Amino acid sequence: MVCAMAETTSPDAVPAFGPDSEEMLRCNRCELRYIPSKSTSSLRLTYCSFLCELGDLGFSIAGLEHMEPQPKAIEAPTVDLEPQESEPESEPAVVE
């Protein structure tokens, strides 16, 4: 007697949730399976979450899109025309 419930499935098999289910992908960083539509990452087909994207790239694509370049202020070096008075050097204290 063969049991119909004892099907062997490989660990890489994609579980089917229904006719409208999406294919589950593996995250490039943590290698967990995820559904791309549920991903919080801007690169949904690569990372399962915003944190994996940030951890792998070092920045997020959304942050990169909203970043604005800041103009660098060029400061002219200041030239001091008057010599500064230096404090007289004191002798080291002697302990007896």
C-alpha atoms as a PDB file:
ATOM      1  CA  MET A   1       0.000   0.000   0.000  1.00  0.00           C
ATOM      2  CA  VAL A   2       1.481   3.318  -1.078  1.00  0.00           C
ATOM      3  CA  CYS A   3       0.640   6.440   0.851  1.00  0.00           C
ATOM      4  CA  ALA A   4      -0.307   9.355  -1.394  1.00  0.00           C
ATOM      5  CA  MET A   5       0.823  11.896   1.230  1.00  0.00           C
ATOM      6  CA  ALA A   6       4.453  10.774   1.172  1.00  0.00           C
ATOM      7  CA  GLU A   7       5.706  12.830  -1.748  1.00  0.00           C
ATOM      8  CA  THR A   8       9.363  13.646  -1.826  1.00  0.00           C
ATOM      9  CA  THR A   9      10.196  17.233  -2.506  1.00  0.00           C
ATOM     10  CA  SER A  10      13.580  18.799  -2.811  1.00  0.00           C
ATOM     11  CA  PRO A  11      14.470  21.698  -0.520  1.00  0.00           C
ATOM     12  CA  ASP A  12      14.806  23.953  -3.581  1.00  0.00           C
ATOM     13  CA  ALA A  13      11.294  23.199  -4.812  1.00  0.00           C
ATOM     14  CA  VAL A  14       9.088  26.275  -5.026  1.00  0.00           C
ATOM     15  CA  PRO A  15       5.889  25.807  -3.053  1.00  0.00           C
ATOM     16  CA  ALA A  16       2.749  26.550  -5.005  1.00  0.00           C
ATOM     17  CA  PHE A  17       0.177  28.671  -3.180  1.00  0.00           C
ATOM     18  CA  GLY A  18      -2.407  28.800  -5.913  1.00  0.00           C
ATOM     19  CA  PRO A  19      -2.883  29.615  -9.570  1.00  0.00           C
ATOM     20  CA  ASP A  20      -2.115  33.311  -9.039  1.00  0.00           C
ATOM     21  CA  SER A  21       0.944  32.780  -6.852  1.00  0.00           C
ATOM     22  CA  GLU A  22       4.262  34.401  -7.688  1.00  0.00           C
ATOM     23  CA  GLU A  23       7.506  32.551  -7.999  1.00  0.00           C
ATOM     24  CA  MET A  24       9.606  32.736  -4.849  1.00  0.00           C
ATOM     25  CA  LEU A  25      13.135  34.025  -5.332  1.00  0.00           C
ATOM     26  CA  ARG A  26      16.262  33.761  -3.190  1.00  0.00           C
ATOM     27  CA  CYS A  27      17.772  36.905  -1.696  1.00  0.00           C
ATOM     28  CA  ASN A  28      21.329  37.530  -2.928  1.00  0.00           C
ATOM     29  CA  ARG A  29      22.492  38.494   0.582  1.00  0.00           C
ATOM     30  CA  CYS A  30      20.725  36.268   3.116  1.00  0.00           C
ATOM     31  CA  GLU A  31      19.645  33.521   0.663  1.00  0.00           C
ATOM     32  CA  LEU A  32      16.138  33.302   2.145  1.00  0.00           C
ATOM     33  CA  ARG A  33      13.194  32.721  -0.159  1.00  0.00           C
ATOM     34  CA  TYR A  34      10.860  35.681  -0.637  1.00  0.00           C
ATOM     35  CA  ILE A  35       8.010  36.885  -2.817  1.00  0.00           C
ATOM     36  CA  PRO A  36       9.159  39.894  -4.887  1.00  0.00           C
ATOM     37  CA  SER A  37       5.896  41.833  -4.449  1.00  0.00           C
ATOM     38  CA  LYS A  38       6.349  41.705  -0.652  1.00  0.00           C
ATOM     39  CA  SER A  39       9.949  42.962  -0.748  1.00  0.00           C
ATOM     40  CA  THR A  40      10.675  46.399   0.758  1.00  0.00           C
ATOM     41  CA  SER A  41      13.789  46.760  -1.388  1.00  0.00           C
ATOM     42  CA  SER A  42      13.965  48.961  -4.467  1.00  0.00           C
ATOM     43  CA  LEU A  43      15.709  46.048  -6.191  1.00  0.00           C
ATOM     44  CA  ARG A  44      12.864  43.589  -5.580  1.00  0.00           C
ATOM     45  CA  LEU A  45      14.230  40.882  -7.841  1.00  0.00           C
ATOM     46  CA  THR A  46      17.558  40.846  -5.991  1.00  0.00           C
ATOM     47  CA  TYR A  47      16.939  41.490  -2.260  1.00  0.00           C
ATOM     48  CA  CYS A  48      14.202  40.414   0.120  1.00  0.00           C
ATOM     49  CA  SER A  49      14.233  43.643   2.131  1.00  0.00           C
ATOM     50  CA  PHE A  50      15.568  47.158   2.410  1.00  0.00           C
ATOM     51  CA  LEU A  51      18.054  45.985   5.060  1.00  0.00           C
ATOM     52  CA  CYS A  52      19.591  43.329   2.799  1.00  0.00           C
ATOM     53  CA  GLU A  53      19.944  45.901   0.016  1.00  0.00           C
ATOM     54  CA  LEU A  54      21.558  48.392   2.391  1.00  0.00           C
ATOM     55  CA  GLY A  55      23.832  45.746   3.905  1.00  0.00           C
ATOM     56  CA  ASP A  56      25.015  44.367   0.574  1.00  0.00           C
ATOM     57  CA  LEU A  57      25.459  47.619  -1.361  1.00  0.00           C
ATOM     58  CA  GLY A  58      26.290  49.969   1.510  1.00  0.00           C
ATOM     59  CA  PHE A  59      23.531  52.335   0.360  1.00  0.00           C
ATOM     60  CA  SER A  60      19.941  52.073  -0.781  1.00  0.00           C
ATOM     61  CA  ILE A  61      18.760  52.847  -4.289  1.00  0.00           C
ATOM     62  CA  ALA A  62      15.884  54.943  -2.896  1.00  0.00           C
ATOM     63  CA  GLY A  63      18.358  57.009  -0.858  1.00  0.00           C
ATOM     64  CA  LEU A  64      20.567  57.431  -3.898  1.00  0.00           C
ATOM     65  CA  GLU A  65      17.618  58.677  -5.968  1.00  0.00           C
ATOM     66  CA  HIS A  66      16.706  61.336  -3.380  1.00  0.00           C
ATOM     67  CA  MET A  67      20.244  62.486  -2.688  1.00  0.00           C
ATOM     68  CA  GLU A  68      21.044  66.044  -3.732  1.00  0.00           C
ATOM     69  CA  PRO A  69      24.589  67.158  -4.446  1.00  0.00           C
ATOM     70  CA  GLN A  70      25.875  69.803  -2.051  1.00  0.00           C
ATOM     71  CA  PRO A  71      28.122  72.468  -3.576  1.00  0.00           C
ATOM     72  CA  LYS A  72      31.487  72.611  -1.911  1.00  0.00           C
ATOM     73  CA  ALA A  73      32.321  75.964  -0.365  1.00  0.00           C
ATOM     74  CA  ILE A  74      35.808  77.039  -1.343  1.00  0.00           C
ATOM     75  CA  GLU A  75      37.404  79.054   1.415  1.00  0.00           C
ATOM     76  CA  ALA A  76      40.372  81.258   0.697  1.00  0.00           C
ATOM     77  CA  PRO A  77      43.255  80.665   3.087  1.00  0.00           C
ATOM     78  CA  THR A  78      43.652  83.450   5.604  1.00  0.00           C
ATOM     79  CA  VAL A  79      47.026  85.137   5.806  1.00  0.00           C
ATOM     80  CA  ASP A  80      48.004  86.675   9.124  1.00  0.00           C
ATOM     81  CA  LEU A  81      50.183  89.712   8.452  1.00  0.00           C
ATOM     82  CA  GLU A  82      50.979  90.501  12.084  1.00  0.00           C
ATOM     83  CA  PRO A  83      53.375  88.148  13.868  1.00  0.00           C
ATOM     84  CA  GLN A  84      51.919  86.565  16.951  1.00  0.00           C
ATOM     85  CA  GLU A  85      53.661  87.058  20.263  1.00  0.00           C
ATOM     86  CA  SER A  86      54.835  83.787  21.620  1.00  0.00           C
ATOM     87  CA  GLU A  87      54.711  83.090  25.307  1.00  0.00           C
ATOM     88  CA  PRO A  88      58.090  82.923  26.994  1.00  0.00           C
ATOM     89  CA  GLU A  89      59.189  79.402  27.640  1.00  0.00           C
ATOM     90  CA  SER A  90      59.167  78.509  31.281  1.00  0.00           C
ATOM     91  CA  GLU A  91      61.699  76.255  32.914  1.00  0.00           C
ATOM     92  CA  PRO A  92      60.521  72.862  34.092  1.00  0.00           C
ATOM     93  CA  ALA A  93      59.635  72.643  37.763  1.00  0.00           C
ATOM     94  CA  VAL A  94      62.242  71.019  39.988  1.00  0.00           C
ATOM     95  CA  VAL A  95      61.019  68.761  42.771  1.00  0.00           C
ATOM     96  CA  GLU A  96      63.351  68.481  45.788  1.00  0.00           C
END
